[in-house]
Amino acid sequence: MSKATIEESKTVSAPVDMPIAPPVTPIVKETPNFDGPNVSAFSLASIRAKKALVESSKNFVKPVNHTVLPTEPFTETEMLIQWNNYAKKLGNKGYRIMESLLMINDPKLQGTANITIELPNEGSKLDFESEKIGLLGHLRGHLHNHDINIEVIVNETMQSKRNLNDQDRYNRLFEINPNIEILRNTFGLDVNA
């Protein structure tokens, strides 16, 4: 057989009544257009490019969100209740050292939103600082005041207050809220009972 007959036998004409499918065009994925030459991901040039990208993203200014956070006033008693609740919550989770640091001395409210606490040494201050963010979040959320700030004062000569008996506990509660005397007299309660 000659080449011409082989070529003719390979070409088959389609019947007239069958539709011919349109030609299929291959899909070509476009690669992103980088301004420089293609760089291997494992090269020093790619590391420089990544650093440049990070630096350029640092210059991005985040739009300012003008959300107004609540700043409701609160009393020292309300603050102490929430402070003690947070300390108990830490104790229940097993963080006994942090619980004792929070309970070692009662914090004082200075002005409308500044809280000061005295701690006996720098080590306890460092431990307190590690939990300060969680405490601030708890106080700000429960007291509805996002201006709250906590200042830690180290007082090496400080003696921690300890409630040793019922009378001491009553005296401490009376310092916090003198209205407890009215409650005791109304119900005829005895401190030593």
Protein backbone atom coordinates (compact mmCIF):
# COMPACT_ATOMS: atom_id res chain seq x y z
CA MET A 1 0.00 0.00 0.00
CA SER A 2 1.14 3.42 -0.72
CA LYS A 3 1.20 6.33 1.67
CA ALA A 4 -1.58 8.12 -0.14
CA THR A 5 -4.02 5.23 0.33
CA ILE A 6 -3.17 5.02 4.01
CA GLU A 7 -3.77 8.74 4.42
CA GLU A 8 -7.10 8.48 2.59
CA SER A 9 -8.24 5.59 4.76
CA LYS A 10 -7.49 7.56 7.94
CA THR A 11 -9.63 10.52 6.97
CA VAL A 12 -13.24 9.66 7.46
CA SER A 13 -15.87 12.13 6.54
CA ALA A 14 -18.73 12.70 8.97
CA PRO A 15 -22.22 11.84 7.87
CA VAL A 16 -24.18 14.84 6.75
CA ASP A 17 -27.00 14.49 9.30
CA MET A 18 -24.69 14.41 12.41
CA PRO A 19 -23.78 17.79 13.92
CA ILE A 20 -20.11 18.53 14.26
CA ALA A 21 -18.95 19.60 17.73
CA PRO A 22 -17.18 22.91 17.94
CA PRO A 23 -13.45 22.66 18.38
CA VAL A 24 -12.30 22.51 22.02
CA THR A 25 -9.88 25.20 23.05
CA PRO A 26 -7.51 24.30 25.85
CA ILE A 27 -7.84 26.29 29.09
CA VAL A 28 -4.63 28.02 30.02
CA LYS A 29 -4.23 29.20 33.61
CA GLU A 30 -2.59 32.55 33.89
CA THR A 31 0.13 33.00 36.42
CA PRO A 32 0.06 36.19 38.48
CA ASN A 33 2.10 38.97 37.00
CA PHE A 34 4.99 39.75 39.31
CA ASP A 35 7.08 42.82 38.66
CA GLY A 36 10.31 40.89 38.91
CA PRO A 37 11.69 37.68 37.53
CA ASN A 38 10.35 34.36 38.82
CA VAL A 39 12.03 33.56 42.12
CA SER A 40 12.34 30.21 43.81
CA ALA A 41 10.57 29.95 47.17
CA PHE A 42 13.79 28.65 48.68
CA SER A 43 16.06 31.47 47.57
CA LEU A 44 17.39 34.49 49.41
CA ALA A 45 15.53 36.72 46.99
CA SER A 46 12.21 35.23 48.12
CA ILE A 47 13.12 35.89 51.75
CA ARG A 48 13.88 39.52 50.88
CA ALA A 49 10.57 39.76 49.01
CA LYS A 50 8.68 38.39 52.02
CA LYS A 51 10.40 40.86 54.35
CA ALA A 52 9.53 43.71 51.99
CA LEU A 53 5.90 42.57 51.98
CA VAL A 54 5.82 42.49 55.78
CA GLU A 55 7.38 45.96 55.98
CA SER A 56 4.88 47.36 53.51
CA SER A 57 2.01 45.87 55.50
CA LYS A 58 3.31 47.57 58.67
CA ASN A 59 2.79 50.92 57.01
CA PHE A 60 -0.88 50.13 56.54
CA VAL A 61 -2.99 52.38 58.75
CA LYS A 62 -6.00 50.64 60.20
CA PRO A 63 -9.16 52.69 59.86
CA VAL A 64 -10.22 54.23 63.15
CA ASN A 65 -13.33 52.71 64.64
CA HIS A 66 -15.19 55.33 66.61
CA THR A 67 -17.00 52.85 68.84
CA VAL A 68 -17.94 54.39 72.14
CA LEU A 69 -17.29 52.00 75.01
CA PRO A 70 -19.37 52.29 78.20
CA THR A 71 -17.99 54.26 81.12
CA GLU A 72 -20.63 53.87 83.81
CA PRO A 73 -19.71 54.97 87.33
CA PHE A 74 -19.31 52.34 90.04
CA THR A 75 -18.64 52.22 93.76
CA GLU A 76 -15.72 50.72 95.62
CA THR A 77 -18.05 48.05 97.05
CA GLU A 78 -19.14 46.96 93.56
CA MET A 79 -15.51 46.86 92.49
CA LEU A 80 -14.54 44.73 95.53
CA ILE A 81 -17.36 42.28 94.84
CA GLN A 82 -16.22 41.78 91.24
CA TRP A 83 -12.56 41.62 92.34
CA ASN A 84 -13.38 38.85 94.82
CA ASN A 85 -15.54 37.03 92.26
CA TYR A 86 -12.62 36.96 89.85
CA ALA A 87 -10.28 35.72 92.59
CA LYS A 88 -12.73 32.91 93.45
CA LYS A 89 -13.01 32.02 89.78
CA LEU A 90 -9.22 31.69 89.56
CA GLY A 91 -9.18 29.58 92.72
CA ASN A 92 -11.82 27.25 91.29
CA LYS A 93 -9.68 26.80 88.19
CA GLY A 94 -6.71 25.83 90.35
CA TYR A 95 -4.74 29.09 90.23
CA ARG A 96 -4.37 29.33 94.02
CA ILE A 97 -1.31 31.61 93.94
CA MET A 98 -3.10 34.19 91.81
CA GLU A 99 -6.16 33.92 94.03
CA SER A 100 -4.06 34.63 97.11
CA LEU A 101 -2.35 37.58 95.39
CA LEU A 102 -5.71 39.12 94.59
CA MET A 103 -6.95 38.53 98.14
CA ILE A 104 -3.75 39.57 99.95
CA ASN A 105 -4.91 43.16 100.26
CA ASP A 106 -8.08 44.96 99.27
CA PRO A 107 -7.67 47.30 96.31
CA LYS A 108 -8.60 50.96 96.68
CA LEU A 109 -10.61 53.00 94.20
CA GLN A 110 -8.88 56.29 93.38
CA GLY A 111 -11.15 58.72 91.55
CA THR A 112 -13.68 57.21 89.18
CA ALA A 113 -11.80 54.40 87.44
CA ASN A 114 -8.28 54.07 88.87
CA ILE A 115 -7.68 51.10 91.14
CA THR A 116 -4.55 50.75 93.25
CA ILE A 117 -3.38 47.63 95.02
CA GLU A 118 -0.40 47.19 97.31
CA LEU A 119 1.67 44.02 97.01
CA PRO A 120 4.47 42.92 99.35
CA ASN A 121 7.32 42.44 96.82
CA GLU A 122 8.44 42.65 93.19
CA GLY A 123 7.91 38.92 92.61
CA SER A 124 4.25 39.15 93.50
CA LYS A 125 3.97 42.24 91.29
CA LEU A 126 5.34 40.26 88.33
CA ASP A 127 2.88 37.44 88.99
CA PHE A 128 0.05 39.94 89.27
CA GLU A 129 1.03 41.66 86.03
CA SER A 130 0.72 38.33 84.19
CA GLU A 131 -2.96 38.10 85.20
CA LYS A 132 -3.72 41.82 84.98
CA ILE A 133 -5.22 41.69 81.48
CA GLY A 134 -7.74 39.02 82.44
CA LEU A 135 -8.68 40.91 85.60
CA LEU A 136 -9.11 44.17 83.68
CA GLY A 137 -11.35 42.43 81.16
CA HIS A 138 -13.48 40.97 83.96
CA LEU A 139 -13.80 44.28 85.80
CA ARG A 140 -14.48 46.32 82.67
CA GLY A 141 -17.14 43.90 81.52
CA HIS A 142 -18.96 43.47 84.82
CA LEU A 143 -18.71 47.10 85.96
CA HIS A 144 -19.50 48.47 82.46
CA ASN A 145 -16.59 50.90 82.54
CA HIS A 146 -13.77 50.60 79.99
CA ASP A 147 -11.71 53.39 81.55
CA ILE A 148 -10.66 51.17 84.48
CA ASN A 149 -6.93 51.06 85.09
CA ILE A 150 -5.02 49.12 87.76
CA GLU A 151 -1.86 50.47 89.38
CA VAL A 152 0.36 48.15 91.41
CA ILE A 153 2.32 49.58 94.32
CA VAL A 154 5.10 47.52 95.91
CA ASN A 155 5.27 48.05 99.65
CA GLU A 156 8.02 45.96 101.22
CA THR A 157 6.89 46.83 104.76
CA MET A 158 3.27 45.91 104.13
CA GLN A 159 1.63 43.38 106.39
CA SER A 160 -1.15 41.49 104.73
CA LYS A 161 -4.55 41.70 106.34
CA ARG A 162 -5.89 38.36 107.41
CA ASN A 163 -9.39 37.76 108.67
CA LEU A 164 -8.70 35.42 111.55
CA ASN A 165 -12.06 35.21 113.29
CA ASP A 166 -15.70 36.22 112.93
CA GLN A 167 -15.21 39.58 114.66
CA ASP A 168 -12.35 40.50 112.30
CA ARG A 169 -14.48 39.53 109.30
CA TYR A 170 -17.37 41.61 110.61
CA ASN A 171 -15.08 44.61 111.19
CA ARG A 172 -13.75 44.32 107.64
CA LEU A 173 -17.27 44.13 106.19
CA PHE A 174 -18.24 47.12 108.34
CA GLU A 175 -15.30 49.07 106.83
CA ILE A 176 -16.53 48.21 103.33
CA ASN A 177 -20.19 48.91 104.00
CA PRO A 178 -21.36 50.50 107.28
CA ASN A 179 -24.97 49.55 106.48
CA ILE A 180 -24.17 46.03 107.67
CA GLU A 181 -24.77 47.29 111.22
CA ILE A 182 -28.39 48.06 110.32
CA LEU A 183 -28.74 44.54 108.93
CA ARG A 184 -27.26 43.02 112.10
CA ASN A 185 -29.58 45.04 114.39
CA THR A 186 -32.70 44.44 112.25
CA PHE A 187 -32.37 40.68 112.37
CA GLY A 188 -30.85 40.50 115.86
CA LEU A 189 -27.70 38.79 114.61
CA ASP A 190 -24.75 38.03 116.86
CA VAL A 191 -21.25 38.21 115.42
CA ASN A 192 -19.90 35.39 117.57
CA ALA A 193 -22.74 32.95 116.88
